[in-house]
Amino acid sequence: MQRSTNNLKFKLKIFKLPIRNVWEVFILSLIFENMKTDILAFGAHPDDVELGCGGTIAKLVSEGKTCVIVDLTKGEMGTRGTDETRKEEATDSAKILGVSARENLGMKDGFLVNSEEYQMKIVKMIRKYRPEIVLANAIDDRHPDHAKGAKLVSDACFLAGLRKIETVEDGENQEVWRPKHIFHYIQWKNIQPEFVIDISEHLDKKLEACMAFKTQFYDPNSNEPVTPIATKDFFESLTYRAQDLGRLSGVAYAEGFTTEKLIALKNFDGIVL
């Protein structure tokens, strides 16, 4: 089935290529015909992706992979900052990580539900970006939105592959798409990872992206209430976890993930020995 033109427009937007005439559109469509987003990372709140898998995103971008972040909510129920400040911070963080795009679905913070309305919003994102791999919130965590977001994204990944579910983007029907893998990053709770990604060369970039959310973390000059992630030693604990996972896996720093299905390796080349 031929790729829809709205998907082409998205590709052109990512690479900042102008559309001048019909022939350019045709030629560019041939160039981008087989291009997809490699990684689509979902977070229940702005900063979830950075805290959970920011190092992995930074690493993949450095390797030439196309990564996109989708925030489910604006984080408007957060104790510190506002939805507007978090929007600005999310934009700054996305630039630091080098992702191709970042979107916000405007779901209700604190009240995520696995409803058809919310499922369809995510289905449209999956069909728009056509990722091979989806990253999502932890399956169990301190904030109830995280586990709910994890299940919501997982269900939407399945639904996005059903042909009888029709969706429209920019006035055009979307093609069905089902990601090959869904991996869940680890957040507040210490969940046992099923595999880790070596982020030894990208920890600094992860921390820089996290600190772009300056209203959310420790600031000695802030008059806002202290939260669990706004303590003076929070970033030390974030670094310690990465260091501990690295110690257990034989690298300097790592991020852990759980998976929804058994992973098959083609060979042992990618394993750090």
Protein backbone atom coordinates (compact mmCIF):
# COMPACT_ATOMS: atom_id res chain seq x y z
CA MET A 1 0.00 0.00 0.00
CA GLN A 2 1.33 3.43 -0.93
CA ARG A 3 2.42 5.68 1.92
CA SER A 4 -0.02 8.51 2.62
CA THR A 5 1.04 12.06 1.74
CA ASN A 6 0.59 13.30 5.29
CA ASN A 7 3.29 10.86 6.39
CA LEU A 8 5.55 12.31 3.71
CA LYS A 9 4.82 15.84 4.95
CA PHE A 10 5.90 14.71 8.41
CA LYS A 11 9.20 13.42 7.03
CA LEU A 12 9.77 16.69 5.19
CA LYS A 13 9.05 18.64 8.37
CA ILE A 14 11.56 16.61 10.34
CA PHE A 15 14.33 17.22 7.82
CA LYS A 16 13.22 20.82 7.09
CA LEU A 17 12.84 20.17 3.37
CA PRO A 18 10.61 22.56 1.39
CA ILE A 19 8.01 21.30 -1.08
CA ARG A 20 8.39 23.31 -4.32
CA ASN A 21 6.59 21.30 -6.98
CA VAL A 22 4.93 18.01 -7.81
CA TRP A 23 8.12 16.42 -9.13
CA GLU A 24 9.98 17.16 -5.91
CA VAL A 25 7.17 15.56 -3.93
CA PHE A 26 7.36 12.48 -6.16
CA ILE A 27 11.14 12.16 -5.89
CA LEU A 28 11.14 12.76 -2.15
CA SER A 29 8.37 10.19 -1.73
CA LEU A 30 10.68 7.61 -3.33
CA ILE A 31 13.50 8.60 -0.99
CA PHE A 32 11.36 8.41 2.14
CA GLU A 33 9.21 5.46 1.07
CA ASN A 34 10.87 2.98 3.39
CA MET A 35 11.75 5.39 6.20
CA LYS A 36 10.09 4.97 9.57
CA THR A 37 10.64 6.29 13.06
CA ASP A 38 12.99 3.91 14.84
CA ILE A 39 11.91 4.70 18.40
CA LEU A 40 8.65 6.21 19.68
CA ALA A 41 8.96 6.97 23.39
CA PHE A 42 5.81 7.64 25.43
CA GLY A 43 5.70 9.29 28.84
CA ALA A 44 2.68 9.89 31.05
CA HIS A 45 4.20 13.27 31.96
CA PRO A 46 6.80 15.59 30.47
CA ASP A 47 10.17 14.46 31.96
CA ASP A 48 9.16 10.78 32.34
CA VAL A 49 11.07 9.81 29.20
CA GLU A 50 14.14 11.81 30.20
CA LEU A 51 14.26 10.32 33.70
CA GLY A 52 13.50 6.77 32.60
CA CYS A 53 15.35 6.38 29.32
CA GLY A 54 16.96 9.70 28.42
CA GLY A 55 20.40 8.12 28.12
CA THR A 56 19.09 5.48 25.74
CA ILE A 57 17.39 8.11 23.58
CA ALA A 58 20.58 10.21 23.49
CA LYS A 59 22.61 7.15 22.51
CA LEU A 60 20.24 6.11 19.73
CA VAL A 61 20.13 9.64 18.31
CA SER A 62 23.94 9.72 18.29
CA GLU A 63 23.87 6.49 16.28
CA GLY A 64 21.63 8.07 13.66
CA LYS A 65 18.34 6.59 14.82
CA THR A 66 15.13 8.59 14.45
CA CYS A 67 13.51 9.11 17.86
CA VAL A 68 10.24 10.84 18.75
CA ILE A 69 8.77 11.60 22.18
CA VAL A 70 5.03 11.73 22.91
CA ASP A 71 3.86 13.02 26.30
CA LEU A 72 0.38 11.83 27.26
CA THR A 73 -0.40 14.73 29.62
CA LYS A 74 0.86 18.27 30.18
CA GLY A 75 1.77 17.50 33.77
CA GLU A 76 -0.65 20.16 34.92
CA MET A 77 -1.30 18.47 38.28
CA GLY A 78 2.36 18.61 39.25
CA THR A 79 3.17 20.33 42.55
CA ARG A 80 5.83 22.54 41.00
CA GLY A 81 5.68 24.63 37.85
CA THR A 82 2.77 25.00 35.44
CA ASP A 83 1.71 23.26 32.26
CA GLU A 84 3.10 26.23 30.32
CA THR A 85 6.52 26.11 31.96
CA ARG A 86 6.66 22.36 31.49
CA LYS A 87 5.83 22.79 27.82
CA GLU A 88 8.79 25.14 27.42
CA GLU A 89 11.01 22.80 29.40
CA ALA A 90 9.93 19.81 27.30
CA THR A 91 10.86 21.72 24.14
CA ASP A 92 14.28 22.58 25.56
CA SER A 93 14.89 19.00 26.65
CA ALA A 94 13.91 17.62 23.24
CA LYS A 95 16.52 19.88 21.63
CA ILE A 96 19.18 18.63 24.03
CA LEU A 97 18.39 14.99 23.26
CA GLY A 98 18.17 15.70 19.54
CA VAL A 99 14.84 13.97 18.95
CA SER A 100 13.10 14.54 15.63
CA ALA A 101 9.76 15.60 17.12
CA ARG A 102 7.88 15.87 20.40
CA GLU A 103 4.11 15.91 20.81
CA ASN A 104 1.65 16.21 23.68
CA LEU A 105 -1.72 14.45 23.61
CA GLY A 106 -3.32 16.63 26.31
CA MET A 107 -4.77 13.80 28.38
CA LYS A 108 -5.89 14.59 31.93
CA ASP A 109 -2.97 14.47 34.34
CA GLY A 110 -3.64 12.34 37.40
CA PHE A 111 -6.68 10.72 35.83
CA LEU A 112 -5.37 8.56 33.00
CA VAL A 113 -7.89 5.91 32.04
CA ASN A 114 -7.66 3.10 29.52
CA SER A 115 -10.55 4.46 27.48
CA GLU A 116 -11.32 4.22 23.79
CA GLU A 117 -10.80 7.98 23.46
CA TYR A 118 -7.27 7.83 24.88
CA GLN A 119 -6.43 4.60 23.07
CA MET A 120 -7.33 6.14 19.72
CA LYS A 121 -5.14 9.18 20.37
CA ILE A 122 -2.17 6.88 20.84
CA VAL A 123 -3.16 4.68 17.88
CA LYS A 124 -2.97 7.77 15.67
CA MET A 125 0.51 8.56 16.95
CA ILE A 126 1.70 5.01 16.31
CA ARG A 127 0.31 5.04 12.77
CA LYS A 128 1.74 8.49 12.15
CA TYR A 129 5.29 7.70 13.22
CA ARG A 130 5.36 3.94 12.42
CA PRO A 131 8.00 2.95 14.99
CA GLU A 132 9.78 -0.37 15.12
CA ILE A 133 10.17 -0.02 18.89
CA VAL A 134 7.96 1.70 21.47
CA LEU A 135 9.24 2.76 24.89
CA ALA A 136 6.66 3.30 27.63
CA ASN A 137 6.29 3.97 31.34
CA ALA A 138 7.09 1.45 34.06
CA ILE A 139 4.49 -1.28 34.48
CA ASP A 140 4.36 -0.59 38.24
CA ASP A 141 5.36 2.64 39.94
CA ARG A 142 4.73 5.17 42.69
CA HIS A 143 2.64 7.49 40.49
CA PRO A 144 -0.57 5.74 39.35
CA ASP A 145 -0.42 7.46 35.95
CA HIS A 146 2.76 5.55 35.13
CA ALA A 147 1.31 2.04 35.29
CA LYS A 148 -1.91 3.25 33.66
CA GLY A 149 0.07 4.91 30.89
CA ALA A 150 2.09 1.73 30.38
CA LYS A 151 -1.05 -0.37 29.90
CA LEU A 152 -2.71 2.30 27.75
CA VAL A 153 0.24 2.42 25.34
CA SER A 154 0.54 -1.37 25.26
CA ASP A 155 -3.12 -1.81 24.32
CA ALA A 156 -2.92 0.95 21.71
CA CYS A 157 0.07 -0.74 20.06
CA PHE A 158 -2.08 -3.82 19.48
CA LEU A 159 -5.09 -1.84 18.28
CA ALA A 160 -2.96 0.17 15.84
CA GLY A 161 -2.42 -3.03 13.86
CA LEU A 162 -6.12 -3.80 13.36
CA ARG A 163 -7.29 -2.93 9.85
CA LYS A 164 -10.92 -2.51 10.83
CA ILE A 165 -9.99 0.38 13.11
CA GLU A 166 -9.85 3.42 10.85
CA THR A 167 -8.10 6.65 11.78
CA VAL A 168 -7.63 9.92 9.93
CA GLU A 169 -4.71 12.36 10.12
CA ASP A 170 -4.75 15.69 8.25
CA GLY A 171 -7.84 14.58 6.33
CA GLU A 172 -6.29 11.33 5.08
CA ASN A 173 -6.76 7.73 6.17
CA GLN A 174 -3.82 6.32 8.09
CA GLU A 175 -2.24 2.97 7.35
CA VAL A 176 -2.26 0.31 10.04
CA TRP A 177 0.96 -0.23 11.95
CA ARG A 178 2.00 -2.43 14.86
CA PRO A 179 5.40 -1.94 16.52
CA LYS A 180 7.64 -4.98 16.77
CA HIS A 181 8.57 -4.43 20.41
CA ILE A 182 7.33 -2.58 23.51
CA PHE A 183 9.89 -1.96 26.23
CA HIS A 184 9.10 -0.38 29.61
CA TYR A 185 11.69 1.83 31.28
CA ILE A 186 12.20 1.83 35.04
CA GLN A 187 11.14 4.82 37.13
CA TRP A 188 10.74 5.35 40.89
CA LYS A 189 10.40 1.73 41.98
CA ASN A 190 13.39 -0.60 41.67
CA ILE A 191 11.98 -3.08 39.19
CA GLN A 192 14.30 -5.90 38.14
CA PRO A 193 15.28 -5.15 34.52
CA GLU A 194 15.18 -7.87 31.89
CA PHE A 195 17.91 -6.14 29.91
CA VAL A 196 19.95 -2.95 30.15
CA ILE A 197 21.32 -0.45 27.64
CA ASP A 198 24.88 0.83 28.08
CA ILE A 199 24.66 4.63 28.41
CA SER A 200 28.20 5.19 29.69
CA GLU A 201 28.95 7.84 27.07
CA HIS A 202 25.54 9.47 27.33
CA LEU A 203 24.80 9.88 31.05
CA ASP A 204 25.79 13.55 30.97
CA LYS A 205 23.37 14.20 28.10
CA LYS A 206 20.59 12.41 30.02
CA LEU A 207 21.19 14.55 33.11
CA GLU A 208 21.34 17.72 31.02
CA ALA A 209 18.00 16.85 29.40
CA CYS A 210 16.47 16.15 32.82
CA MET A 211 17.73 19.43 34.25
CA ALA A 212 15.99 21.28 31.43
CA PHE A 213 12.87 20.70 33.58
CA LYS A 214 14.25 23.20 36.08
CA THR A 215 10.94 23.84 37.86
CA GLN A 216 10.67 20.16 38.78
CA PHE A 217 14.00 19.65 40.50
CA TYR A 218 16.03 21.10 43.35
CA ASP A 219 16.57 24.83 43.27
CA PRO A 220 17.86 26.51 46.45
CA ASN A 221 16.22 29.76 45.36
CA SER A 222 12.78 28.25 44.73
CA ASN A 223 9.88 28.94 47.09
CA GLU A 224 7.81 26.03 45.75
CA PRO A 225 7.07 22.95 47.88
CA VAL A 226 9.65 20.17 48.03
CA THR A 227 8.68 16.97 46.21
CA PRO A 228 10.39 13.55 46.11
CA ILE A 229 12.23 14.52 42.91
CA ALA A 230 13.00 18.07 44.04
CA THR A 231 15.34 17.08 46.86
CA LYS A 232 19.01 18.03 46.84
CA ASP A 233 20.20 14.45 46.43
CA PHE A 234 17.71 13.23 43.78
CA PHE A 235 20.15 13.46 40.88
CA GLU A 236 22.71 11.57 42.94
CA SER A 237 20.21 8.72 43.29
CA LEU A 238 19.50 8.86 39.55
CA THR A 239 23.21 8.56 38.81
CA TYR A 240 23.65 5.84 41.42
CA ARG A 241 20.96 3.66 39.81
CA ALA A 242 22.62 3.99 36.41
CA GLN A 243 25.97 3.21 38.00
CA ASP A 244 24.61 0.19 39.87
CA LEU A 245 22.95 -1.25 36.76
CA GLY A 246 26.24 -0.64 34.98
CA ARG A 247 28.17 -2.44 37.71
CA LEU A 248 25.88 -5.45 37.46
CA SER A 249 26.20 -5.58 33.67
CA GLY A 250 29.87 -4.76 33.26
CA VAL A 251 29.68 -1.16 32.02
CA ALA A 252 30.01 2.24 33.67
CA TYR A 253 26.35 3.34 33.46
CA ALA A 254 23.18 1.67 32.17
CA GLU A 255 19.40 2.04 31.95
CA GLY A 256 17.10 -0.90 32.58
CA PHE A 257 14.01 -2.10 30.75
CA THR A 258 11.37 -4.79 30.97
CA THR A 259 9.83 -6.41 27.93
CA GLU A 260 6.40 -7.80 27.10
CA LYS A 261 7.68 -10.78 25.15
CA LEU A 262 10.74 -12.98 24.83
CA ILE A 263 13.53 -11.34 22.84
CA ALA A 264 15.52 -13.36 20.30
CA LEU A 265 19.13 -12.40 19.51
CA LYS A 266 20.53 -13.02 16.02
CA ASN A 267 23.98 -13.55 17.54
CA PHE A 268 26.13 -12.47 20.48
CA ASP A 269 27.73 -9.47 18.77
CA GLY A 270 25.72 -6.88 20.69
CA ILE A 271 26.40 -8.31 24.13
CA VAL A 272 28.92 -6.53 26.37
CA LEU A 273 31.21 -9.29 27.61
